[in-house]
Amino acid sequence: MPVSGKDRGALVPARPFMEKIDGLAGLTSKIAARLAIKPEIFIIHPAELRILRSMSDQDLRVFAAENGWRVVRRLGGRQIEFYNDASAKRALNPCRSAYGLAL
């Protein structure tokens, strides 16, 4: 879907595109499980990198933001890092206070 004019800078939901990527659901659950116990995960396996490289940079950032993560590409594409992003989680759930209490 082409983006034109004033919408050019807006994030376009990448969900329809992401549903077509084989292996993304499994990789998503692996990242979520690891980030539930550790502050970061480094994706270095070639098959997993291939899945993530098939996405554009914007799609990868939208994918991470939708899951409450932050993504960083490092080492010339040989490693992709995911971190928990508290600001993304707060933006997705604005009814929580800064202390995690429901308002």
PDB file of N, CA and C in Angstrom:
ATOM      1  N   MET A   1       0.849  -1.168   0.000  1.00  0.00           N
ATOM      2  CA  MET A   1       0.000   0.000   0.000  1.00  0.00           C
ATOM      3  C   MET A   1       0.896   1.232   0.000  1.00  0.00           C
ATOM      4  N   PRO A   2       0.857   2.065  -1.014  1.00  0.00           N
ATOM      5  CA  PRO A   2       1.678   3.268  -1.057  1.00  0.00           C
ATOM      6  C   PRO A   2       1.207   4.292  -0.035  1.00  0.00           C
ATOM      7  N   VAL A   3       2.164   4.990   0.519  1.00  0.00           N
ATOM      8  CA  VAL A   3       1.877   6.046   1.489  1.00  0.00           C
ATOM      9  C   VAL A   3       2.185   7.363   0.810  1.00  0.00           C
ATOM     10  N   SER A   4       1.253   8.314   0.902  1.00  0.00           N
ATOM     11  CA  SER A   4       1.454   9.561   0.182  1.00  0.00           C
ATOM     12  C   SER A   4       1.266  10.755   1.095  1.00  0.00           C
ATOM     13  N   GLY A   5       1.816  11.860   0.660  1.00  0.00           N
ATOM     14  CA  GLY A   5       1.592  13.166   1.279  1.00  0.00           C
ATOM     15  C   GLY A   5       1.853  13.227   2.764  1.00  0.00           C
ATOM     16  N   LYS A   6       0.850  13.709   3.507  1.00  0.00           N
ATOM     17  CA  LYS A   6       1.017  13.946   4.932  1.00  0.00           C
ATOM     18  C   LYS A   6       1.137  12.657   5.738  1.00  0.00           C
ATOM     19  N   ASP A   7       0.728  11.512   5.184  1.00  0.00           N
ATOM     20  CA  ASP A   7       0.803  10.245   5.899  1.00  0.00           C
ATOM     21  C   ASP A   7       2.161   9.569   5.760  1.00  0.00           C
ATOM     22  N   ARG A   8       3.063  10.159   5.038  1.00  0.00           N
ATOM     23  CA  ARG A   8       4.352   9.526   4.766  1.00  0.00           C
ATOM     24  C   ARG A   8       5.134   9.199   6.033  1.00  0.00           C
ATOM     25  N   GLY A   9       5.091  10.042   7.054  1.00  0.00           N
ATOM     26  CA  GLY A   9       5.851   9.814   8.277  1.00  0.00           C
ATOM     27  C   GLY A   9       5.128   8.929   9.282  1.00  0.00           C
ATOM     28  N   ALA A  10       3.863   8.639   9.049  1.00  0.00           N
ATOM     29  CA  ALA A  10       3.086   7.842   9.993  1.00  0.00           C
ATOM     30  C   ALA A  10       3.447   6.368   9.886  1.00  0.00           C
ATOM     31  N   LEU A  11       3.344   5.672  11.015  1.00  0.00           N
ATOM     32  CA  LEU A  11       3.597   4.238  11.008  1.00  0.00           C
ATOM     33  C   LEU A  11       2.386   3.526  10.417  1.00  0.00           C
ATOM     34  N   VAL A  12       2.632   2.700   9.431  1.00  0.00           N
ATOM     35  CA  VAL A  12       1.575   1.928   8.794  1.00  0.00           C
ATOM     36  C   VAL A  12       1.569   0.549   9.442  1.00  0.00           C
ATOM     37  N   PRO A  13       0.438   0.056   9.928  1.00  0.00           N
ATOM     38  CA  PRO A  13       0.418  -1.264  10.547  1.00  0.00           C
ATOM     39  C   PRO A  13       0.952  -2.319   9.586  1.00  0.00           C
ATOM     40  N   ALA A  14       1.836  -3.149  10.088  1.00  0.00           N
ATOM     41  CA  ALA A  14       2.490  -4.151   9.243  1.00  0.00           C
ATOM     42  C   ALA A  14       1.859  -5.519   9.402  1.00  0.00           C
ATOM     43  N   ARG A  15       0.781  -5.629  10.136  1.00  0.00           N
ATOM     44  CA  ARG A  15       0.187  -6.915  10.442  1.00  0.00           C
ATOM     45  C   ARG A  15      -0.170  -7.752   9.201  1.00  0.00           C
ATOM     46  N   PRO A  16      -0.829  -7.221   8.158  1.00  0.00           N
ATOM     47  CA  PRO A  16      -1.157  -8.071   7.005  1.00  0.00           C
ATOM     48  C   PRO A  16       0.083  -8.666   6.344  1.00  0.00           C
ATOM     49  N   PHE A  17       1.141  -7.887   6.262  1.00  0.00           N
ATOM     50  CA  PHE A  17       2.381  -8.372   5.665  1.00  0.00           C
ATOM     51  C   PHE A  17       3.023  -9.433   6.549  1.00  0.00           C
ATOM     52  N   MET A  18       2.998  -9.215   7.858  1.00  0.00           N
ATOM     53  CA  MET A  18       3.672 -10.121   8.789  1.00  0.00           C
ATOM     54  C   MET A  18       2.998 -11.482   8.872  1.00  0.00           C
ATOM     55  N   GLU A  19       1.704 -11.543   8.633  1.00  0.00           N
ATOM     56  CA  GLU A  19       1.004 -12.821   8.695  1.00  0.00           C
ATOM     57  C   GLU A  19       1.492 -13.779   7.618  1.00  0.00           C
ATOM     58  N   LYS A  20       2.094 -13.273   6.571  1.00  0.00           N
ATOM     59  CA  LYS A  20       2.547 -14.093   5.457  1.00  0.00           C
ATOM     60  C   LYS A  20       3.968 -14.608   5.624  1.00  0.00           C
ATOM     61  N   ILE A  21       4.688 -14.194   6.656  1.00  0.00           N
ATOM     62  CA  ILE A  21       6.078 -14.586   6.841  1.00  0.00           C
ATOM     63  C   ILE A  21       6.138 -15.905   7.606  1.00  0.00           C
ATOM     64  N   ASP A  22       6.687 -16.940   6.972  1.00  0.00           N
ATOM     65  CA  ASP A  22       6.827 -18.244   7.618  1.00  0.00           C
ATOM     66  C   ASP A  22       7.839 -18.156   8.751  1.00  0.00           C
ATOM     67  N   GLY A  23       7.492 -18.722   9.889  1.00  0.00           N
ATOM     68  CA  GLY A  23       8.401 -18.768  11.021  1.00  0.00           C
ATOM     69  C   GLY A  23       8.333 -17.575  11.948  1.00  0.00           C
ATOM     70  N   LEU A  24       7.597 -16.533  11.569  1.00  0.00           N
ATOM     71  CA  LEU A  24       7.557 -15.328  12.402  1.00  0.00           C
ATOM     72  C   LEU A  24       6.803 -15.579  13.707  1.00  0.00           C
ATOM     73  N   ALA A  25       5.756 -16.383  13.668  1.00  0.00           N
ATOM     74  CA  ALA A  25       4.995 -16.663  14.894  1.00  0.00           C
ATOM     75  C   ALA A  25       5.867 -17.382  15.918  1.00  0.00           C
ATOM     76  N   GLY A  26       6.635 -18.360  15.468  1.00  0.00           N
ATOM     77  CA  GLY A  26       7.527 -19.076  16.372  1.00  0.00           C
ATOM     78  C   GLY A  26       8.625 -18.190  16.923  1.00  0.00           C
ATOM     79  N   LEU A  27       9.174 -17.343  16.070  1.00  0.00           N
ATOM     80  CA  LEU A  27      10.216 -16.418  16.499  1.00  0.00           C
ATOM     81  C   LEU A  27       9.656 -15.399  17.480  1.00  0.00           C
ATOM     82  N   THR A  28       8.433 -14.948  17.253  1.00  0.00           N
ATOM     83  CA  THR A  28       7.783 -14.009  18.166  1.00  0.00           C
ATOM     84  C   THR A  28       7.623 -14.627  19.549  1.00  0.00           C
ATOM     85  N   SER A  29       7.180 -15.880  19.597  1.00  0.00           N
ATOM     86  CA  SER A  29       7.009 -16.526  20.903  1.00  0.00           C
ATOM     87  C   SER A  29       8.352 -16.763  21.585  1.00  0.00           C
ATOM     88  N   LYS A  30       9.396 -17.058  20.813  1.00  0.00           N
ATOM     89  CA  LYS A  30      10.731 -17.233  21.393  1.00  0.00           C
ATOM     90  C   LYS A  30      11.233 -15.921  22.002  1.00  0.00           C
ATOM     91  N   ILE A  31      11.060 -14.822  21.272  1.00  0.00           N
ATOM     92  CA  ILE A  31      11.494 -13.515  21.766  1.00  0.00           C
ATOM     93  C   ILE A  31      10.703 -13.141  23.019  1.00  0.00           C
ATOM     94  N   ALA A  32       9.392 -13.349  22.988  1.00  0.00           N
ATOM     95  CA  ALA A  32       8.543 -13.000  24.134  1.00  0.00           C
ATOM     96  C   ALA A  32       8.914 -13.817  25.364  1.00  0.00           C
ATOM     97  N   ALA A  33       9.186 -15.108  25.187  1.00  0.00           N
ATOM     98  CA  ALA A  33       9.552 -15.962  26.317  1.00  0.00           C
ATOM     99  C   ALA A  33      10.879 -15.518  26.924  1.00  0.00           C
ATOM    100  N   ARG A  34      11.831 -15.175  26.078  1.00  0.00           N
ATOM    101  CA  ARG A  34      13.143 -14.753  26.580  1.00  0.00           C
ATOM    102  C   ARG A  34      13.051 -13.390  27.281  1.00  0.00           C
ATOM    103  N   LEU A  35      12.293 -12.455  26.699  1.00  0.00           N
ATOM    104  CA  LEU A  35      12.171 -11.129  27.298  1.00  0.00           C
ATOM    105  C   LEU A  35      11.331 -11.145  28.575  1.00  0.00           C
ATOM    106  N   ALA A  36      10.609 -12.221  28.815  1.00  0.00           N
ATOM    107  CA  ALA A  36       9.854 -12.350  30.058  1.00  0.00           C
ATOM    108  C   ALA A  36      10.781 -12.606  31.243  1.00  0.00           C
ATOM    109  N   ILE A  37      11.990 -13.137  30.968  1.00  0.00           N
ATOM    110  CA  ILE A  37      12.905 -13.447  32.063  1.00  0.00           C
ATOM    111  C   ILE A  37      14.225 -12.693  31.981  1.00  0.00           C
ATOM    112  N   LYS A  38      14.581 -12.210  30.810  1.00  0.00           N
ATOM    113  CA  LYS A  38      15.841 -11.475  30.612  1.00  0.00           C
ATOM    114  C   LYS A  38      15.536 -10.109  30.016  1.00  0.00           C
ATOM    115  N   PRO A  39      16.438  -9.142  30.186  1.00  0.00           N
ATOM    116  CA  PRO A  39      16.170  -7.794  29.665  1.00  0.00           C
ATOM    117  C   PRO A  39      16.399  -7.653  28.163  1.00  0.00           C
ATOM    118  N   GLU A  40      17.117  -8.606  27.539  1.00  0.00           N
ATOM    119  CA  GLU A  40      17.388  -8.498  26.106  1.00  0.00           C
ATOM    120  C   GLU A  40      17.537  -9.881  25.498  1.00  0.00           C
ATOM    121  N   ILE A  41      17.424  -9.918  24.173  1.00  0.00           N
ATOM    122  CA  ILE A  41      17.690 -11.142  23.416  1.00  0.00           C
ATOM    123  C   ILE A  41      18.430 -10.731  22.148  1.00  0.00           C
ATOM    124  N   PHE A  42      19.457 -11.493  21.822  1.00  0.00           N
ATOM    125  CA  PHE A  42      20.240 -11.248  20.620  1.00  0.00           C
ATOM    126  C   PHE A  42      19.923 -12.341  19.615  1.00  0.00           C
ATOM    127  N   ILE A  43      19.419 -11.954  18.468  1.00  0.00           N
ATOM    128  CA  ILE A  43      19.112 -12.910  17.405  1.00  0.00           C
ATOM    129  C   ILE A  43      20.343 -12.996  16.514  1.00  0.00           C
ATOM    130  N   ILE A  44      20.989 -14.178  16.503  1.00  0.00           N
ATOM    131  CA  ILE A  44      22.198 -14.369  15.700  1.00  0.00           C
ATOM    132  C   ILE A  44      22.123 -15.598  14.809  1.00  0.00           C
ATOM    133  N   HIS A  45      21.108 -16.442  15.003  1.00  0.00           N
ATOM    134  CA  HIS A  45      20.983 -17.650  14.189  1.00  0.00           C
ATOM    135  C   HIS A  45      20.611 -17.263  12.755  1.00  0.00           C
ATOM    136  N   PRO A  46      21.301 -17.830  11.766  1.00  0.00           N
ATOM    137  CA  PRO A  46      21.048 -17.428  10.368  1.00  0.00           C
ATOM    138  C   PRO A  46      19.598 -17.578   9.917  1.00  0.00           C
ATOM    139  N   ALA A  47      18.920 -18.657  10.328  1.00  0.00           N
ATOM    140  CA  ALA A  47      17.524 -18.843   9.907  1.00  0.00           C
ATOM    141  C   ALA A  47      16.619 -17.783  10.520  1.00  0.00           C
ATOM    142  N   GLU A  48      16.871 -17.429  11.779  1.00  0.00           N
ATOM    143  CA  GLU A  48      16.069 -16.401  12.435  1.00  0.00           C
ATOM    144  C   GLU A  48      16.363 -15.023  11.848  1.00  0.00           C
ATOM    145  N   LEU A  49      17.633 -14.760  11.556  1.00  0.00           N
ATOM    146  CA  LEU A  49      17.991 -13.488  10.919  1.00  0.00           C
ATOM    147  C   LEU A  49      17.343 -13.357   9.549  1.00  0.00           C
ATOM    148  N   ARG A  50      17.263 -14.450   8.817  1.00  0.00           N
ATOM    149  CA  ARG A  50      16.645 -14.425   7.483  1.00  0.00           C
ATOM    150  C   ARG A  50      15.184 -14.000   7.577  1.00  0.00           C
ATOM    151  N   ILE A  51      14.487 -14.494   8.600  1.00  0.00           N
ATOM    152  CA  ILE A  51      13.080 -14.111   8.796  1.00  0.00           C
ATOM    153  C   ILE A  51      12.973 -12.610   9.047  1.00  0.00           C
ATOM    154  N   LEU A  52      13.826 -12.102   9.934  1.00  0.00           N
ATOM    155  CA  LEU A  52      13.756 -10.682  10.286  1.00  0.00           C
ATOM    156  C   LEU A  52      14.261  -9.780   9.166  1.00  0.00           C
ATOM    157  N   ARG A  53      15.232 -10.247   8.397  1.00  0.00           N
ATOM    158  CA  ARG A  53      15.738  -9.446   7.273  1.00  0.00           C
ATOM    159  C   ARG A  53      14.736  -9.359   6.128  1.00  0.00           C
ATOM    160  N   SER A  54      13.773 -10.294   6.086  1.00  0.00           N
ATOM    161  CA  SER A  54      12.772 -10.236   5.026  1.00  0.00           C
ATOM    162  C   SER A  54      11.791  -9.087   5.240  1.00  0.00           C
ATOM    163  N   MET A  55      11.843  -8.471   6.417  1.00  0.00           N
ATOM    164  CA  MET A  55      10.975  -7.345   6.741  1.00  0.00           C
ATOM    165  C   MET A  55      11.739  -6.040   6.521  1.00  0.00           C
ATOM    166  N   SER A  56      11.030  -5.012   6.099  1.00  0.00           N
ATOM    167  CA  SER A  56      11.669  -3.696   5.971  1.00  0.00           C
ATOM    168  C   SER A  56      11.966  -3.159   7.371  1.00  0.00           C
ATOM    169  N   ASP A  57      12.796  -2.145   7.452  1.00  0.00           N
ATOM    170  CA  ASP A  57      13.141  -1.561   8.745  1.00  0.00           C
ATOM    171  C   ASP A  57      11.896  -1.027   9.442  1.00  0.00           C
ATOM    172  N   GLN A  58      11.015  -0.383   8.683  1.00  0.00           N
ATOM    173  CA  GLN A  58       9.785   0.155   9.270  1.00  0.00           C
ATOM    174  C   GLN A  58       8.887  -0.973   9.779  1.00  0.00           C
ATOM    175  N   ASP A  59       8.747  -2.054   8.998  1.00  0.00           N
ATOM    176  CA  ASP A  59       7.932  -3.182   9.437  1.00  0.00           C
ATOM    177  C   ASP A  59       8.502  -3.820  10.698  1.00  0.00           C
ATOM    178  N   LEU A  60       9.821  -3.926  10.766  1.00  0.00           N
ATOM    179  CA  LEU A  60      10.464  -4.515  11.939  1.00  0.00           C
ATOM    180  C   LEU A  60      10.223  -3.651  13.175  1.00  0.00           C
ATOM    181  N   ARG A  61      10.298  -2.341  13.018  1.00  0.00           N
ATOM    182  CA  ARG A  61      10.051  -1.450  14.156  1.00  0.00           C
ATOM    183  C   ARG A  61       8.585  -1.491  14.595  1.00  0.00           C
ATOM    184  N   VAL A  62       7.664  -1.582  13.646  1.00  0.00           N
ATOM    185  CA  VAL A  62       6.242  -1.697  13.989  1.00  0.00           C
ATOM    186  C   VAL A  62       5.986  -3.029  14.693  1.00  0.00           C
ATOM    187  N   PHE A  63       6.580  -4.093  14.183  1.00  0.00           N
ATOM    188  CA  PHE A  63       6.467  -5.416  14.800  1.00  0.00           C
ATOM    189  C   PHE A  63       6.941  -5.364  16.253  1.00  0.00           C
ATOM    190  N   ALA A  64       8.085  -4.748  16.489  1.00  0.00           N
ATOM    191  CA  ALA A  64       8.625  -4.648  17.840  1.00  0.00           C
ATOM    192  C   ALA A  64       7.717  -3.796  18.724  1.00  0.00           C
ATOM    193  N   ALA A  65       7.271  -2.655  18.223  1.00  0.00           N
ATOM    194  CA  ALA A  65       6.423  -1.754  19.011  1.00  0.00           C
ATOM    195  C   ALA A  65       5.087  -2.405  19.368  1.00  0.00           C
ATOM    196  N   GLU A  66       4.507  -3.160  18.443  1.00  0.00           N
ATOM    197  CA  GLU A  66       3.235  -3.838  18.712  1.00  0.00           C
ATOM    198  C   GLU A  66       3.368  -4.856  19.837  1.00  0.00           C
ATOM    199  N   ASN A  67       4.574  -5.386  20.032  1.00  0.00           N
ATOM    200  CA  ASN A  67       4.812  -6.369  21.081  1.00  0.00           C
ATOM    201  C   ASN A  67       5.436  -5.757  22.336  1.00  0.00           C
ATOM    202  N   GLY A  68       5.618  -4.430  22.352  1.00  0.00           N
ATOM    203  CA  GLY A  68       6.193  -3.759  23.507  1.00  0.00           C
ATOM    204  C   GLY A  68       7.697  -3.895  23.589  1.00  0.00           C
ATOM    205  N   TRP A  69       8.354  -4.029  22.441  1.00  0.00           N
ATOM    206  CA  TRP A  69       9.803  -4.204  22.380  1.00  0.00           C
ATOM    207  C   TRP A  69      10.444  -3.044  21.635  1.00  0.00           C
ATOM    208  N   ARG A  70      11.747  -2.960  21.777  1.00  0.00           N
ATOM    209  CA  ARG A  70      12.574  -2.031  21.000  1.00  0.00           C
ATOM    210  C   ARG A  70      13.569  -2.885  20.237  1.00  0.00           C
ATOM    211  N   VAL A  71      13.841  -2.540  18.995  1.00  0.00           N
ATOM    212  CA  VAL A  71      14.742  -3.331  18.155  1.00  0.00           C
ATOM    213  C   VAL A  71      15.966  -2.502  17.792  1.00  0.00           C
ATOM    214  N   VAL A  72      17.127  -3.165  17.769  1.00  0.00           N
ATOM    215  CA  VAL A  72      18.387  -2.524  17.392  1.00  0.00           C
ATOM    216  C   VAL A  72      19.129  -3.488  16.468  1.00  0.00           C
ATOM    217  N   ARG A  73      19.548  -2.984  15.305  1.00  0.00           N
ATOM    218  CA  ARG A  73      20.367  -3.789  14.388  1.00  0.00           C
ATOM    219  C   ARG A  73      21.827  -3.452  14.644  1.00  0.00           C
ATOM    220  N   ARG A  74      22.663  -4.480  14.724  1.00  0.00           N
ATOM    221  CA  ARG A  74      24.080  -4.258  15.027  1.00  0.00           C
ATOM    222  C   ARG A  74      24.972  -5.103  14.125  1.00  0.00           C
ATOM    223  N   LEU A  75      26.240  -4.780  14.145  1.00  0.00           N
ATOM    224  CA  LEU A  75      27.295  -5.554  13.479  1.00  0.00           C
ATOM    225  C   LEU A  75      27.031  -5.802  12.005  1.00  0.00           C
ATOM    226  N   GLY A  76      26.625  -4.776  11.321  1.00  0.00           N
ATOM    227  CA  GLY A  76      26.419  -4.895   9.883  1.00  0.00           C
ATOM    228  C   GLY A  76      25.368  -5.912   9.485  1.00  0.00           C
ATOM    229  N   GLY A  77      24.387  -6.112  10.331  1.00  0.00           N
ATOM    230  CA  GLY A  77      23.305  -7.030  10.008  1.00  0.00           C
ATOM    231  C   GLY A  77      23.523  -8.451  10.508  1.00  0.00           C
ATOM    232  N   ARG A  78      24.618  -8.707  11.220  1.00  0.00           N
ATOM    233  CA  ARG A  78      24.883 -10.057  11.730  1.00  0.00           C
ATOM    234  C   ARG A  78      24.176 -10.327  13.045  1.00  0.00           C
ATOM    235  N   GLN A  79      23.553  -9.319  13.610  1.00  0.00           N
ATOM    236  CA  GLN A  79      22.883  -9.470  14.900  1.00  0.00           C
ATOM    237  C   GLN A  79      21.746  -8.460  14.990  1.00  0.00           C
ATOM    238  N   ILE A  80      20.602  -8.903  15.491  1.00  0.00           N
ATOM    239  CA  ILE A  80      19.466  -8.020  15.757  1.00  0.00           C
ATOM    240  C   ILE A  80      19.090  -8.210  17.209  1.00  0.00           C
ATOM    241  N   GLU A  81      18.973  -7.115  17.940  1.00  0.00           N
ATOM    242  CA  GLU A  81      18.701  -7.163  19.374  1.00  0.00           C
ATOM    243  C   GLU A  81      17.281  -6.674  19.649  1.00  0.00           C
ATOM    244  N   PHE A  82      16.628  -7.319  20.614  1.00  0.00           N
ATOM    245  CA  PHE A  82      15.318  -6.891  21.080  1.00  0.00           C
ATOM    246  C   PHE A  82      15.408  -6.627  22.568  1.00  0.00           C
ATOM    247  N   TYR A  83      14.771  -5.539  23.003  1.00  0.00           N
ATOM    248  CA  TYR A  83      14.719  -5.152  24.411  1.00  0.00           C
ATOM    249  C   TYR A  83      13.271  -4.861  24.773  1.00  0.00           C
ATOM    250  N   ASN A  84      12.924  -5.058  26.046  1.00  0.00           N
ATOM    251  CA  ASN A  84      11.620  -4.614  26.521  1.00  0.00           C
ATOM    252  C   ASN A  84      11.604  -3.102  26.476  1.00  0.00           C
ATOM    253  N   ASP A  85      10.513  -2.520  26.018  1.00  0.00           N
ATOM    254  CA  ASP A  85      10.392  -1.071  25.914  1.00  0.00           C
ATOM    255  C   ASP A  85       9.195  -0.624  26.741  1.00  0.00           C
ATOM    256  N   ALA A  86       9.467  -0.121  27.927  1.00  0.00           N
ATOM    257  CA  ALA A  86       8.402   0.294  28.837  1.00  0.00           C
ATOM    258  C   ALA A  86       7.551   1.402  28.243  1.00  0.00           C
ATOM    259  N   SER A  87       8.150   2.301  27.473  1.00  0.00           N
ATOM    260  CA  SER A  87       7.367   3.397  26.896  1.00  0.00           C
ATOM    261  C   SER A  87       6.380   2.875  25.866  1.00  0.00           C
ATOM    262  N   ALA A  88       6.743   1.837  25.117  1.00  0.00           N
ATOM    263  CA  ALA A  88       5.814   1.258  24.143  1.00  0.00           C
ATOM    264  C   ALA A  88       4.677   0.550  24.852  1.00  0.00           C
ATOM    265  N   LYS A  89       4.969  -0.144  25.937  1.00  0.00           N
ATOM    266  CA  LYS A  89       3.919  -0.823  26.692  1.00  0.00           C
ATOM    267  C   LYS A  89       2.975   0.186  27.323  1.00  0.00           C
ATOM    268  N   ARG A  90       3.523   1.294  27.822  1.00  0.00           N
ATOM    269  CA  ARG A  90       2.678   2.324  28.436  1.00  0.00           C
ATOM    270  C   ARG A  90       1.794   2.977  27.375  1.00  0.00           C
ATOM    271  N   ALA A  91       2.315   3.172  26.175  1.00  0.00           N
ATOM    272  CA  ALA A  91       1.527   3.784  25.109  1.00  0.00           C
ATOM    273  C   ALA A  91       0.395   2.863  24.669  1.00  0.00           C
ATOM    274  N   LEU A  92       0.631   1.547  24.710  1.00  0.00           N
ATOM    275  CA  LEU A  92      -0.410   0.603  24.326  1.00  0.00           C
ATOM    276  C   LEU A  92      -1.472   0.446  25.403  1.00  0.00           C
ATOM    277  N   ASN A  93      -1.108   0.696  26.678  1.00  0.00           N
ATOM    278  CA  ASN A  93      -2.040   0.554  27.789  1.00  0.00           C
ATOM    279  C   ASN A  93      -2.010   1.828  28.635  1.00  0.00           C
ATOM    280  N   PRO A  94      -2.667   2.896  28.189  1.00  0.00           N
ATOM    281  CA  PRO A  94      -2.586   4.187  28.874  1.00  0.00           C
ATOM    282  C   PRO A  94      -3.336   4.222  30.204  1.00  0.00           C
ATOM    283  N   CYS A  95      -4.098   3.193  30.549  1.00  0.00           N
ATOM    284  CA  CYS A  95      -4.865   3.192  31.802  1.00  0.00           C
ATOM    285  C   CYS A  95      -4.022   2.798  32.997  1.00  0.00           C
ATOM    286  N   ARG A  96      -2.743   2.531  32.809  1.00  0.00           N
ATOM    287  CA  ARG A  96      -1.866   2.173  33.921  1.00  0.00           C
ATOM    288  C   ARG A  96      -1.066   3.407  34.338  1.00  0.00           C
ATOM    289  N   SER A  97      -0.868   3.533  35.633  1.00  0.00           N
ATOM    290  CA  SER A  97      -0.063   4.641  36.128  1.00  0.00           C
ATOM    291  C   SER A  97       1.408   4.287  36.020  1.00  0.00           C
ATOM    292  N   ALA A  98       2.269   5.194  36.410  1.00  0.00           N
ATOM    293  CA  ALA A  98       3.713   4.978  36.356  1.00  0.00           C
ATOM    294  C   ALA A  98       4.142   3.848  37.280  1.00  0.00           C
ATOM    295  N   TYR A  99       3.327   3.513  38.288  1.00  0.00           N
ATOM    296  CA  TYR A  99       3.668   2.461  39.244  1.00  0.00           C
ATOM    297  C   TYR A  99       3.011   1.140  38.908  1.00  0.00           C
ATOM    298  N   GLY A 100       2.393   1.019  37.730  1.00  0.00           N
ATOM    299  CA  GLY A 100       1.780  -0.223  37.299  1.00  0.00           C
ATOM    300  C   GLY A 100       0.384  -0.447  37.862  1.00  0.00           C
ATOM    301  N   LEU A 101      -0.194   0.549  38.501  1.00  0.00           N
ATOM    302  CA  LEU A 101      -1.521   0.405  39.061  1.00  0.00           C
ATOM    303  C   LEU A 101      -2.572   0.820  38.059  1.00  0.00           C
ATOM    304  N   ALA A 102      -3.629   0.057  37.988  1.00  0.00           N
ATOM    305  CA  ALA A 102      -4.718   0.401  37.089  1.00  0.00           C
ATOM    306  C   ALA A 102      -5.454   1.618  37.627  1.00  0.00           C
ATOM    307  N   LEU A 103      -5.782   2.535  36.759  1.00  0.00           N
ATOM    308  CA  LEU A 103      -6.489   3.754  37.165  1.00  0.00           C
ATOM    309  C   LEU A 103      -7.960   3.629  36.876  1.00  0.00           C
TER     310      LEU A 103
END
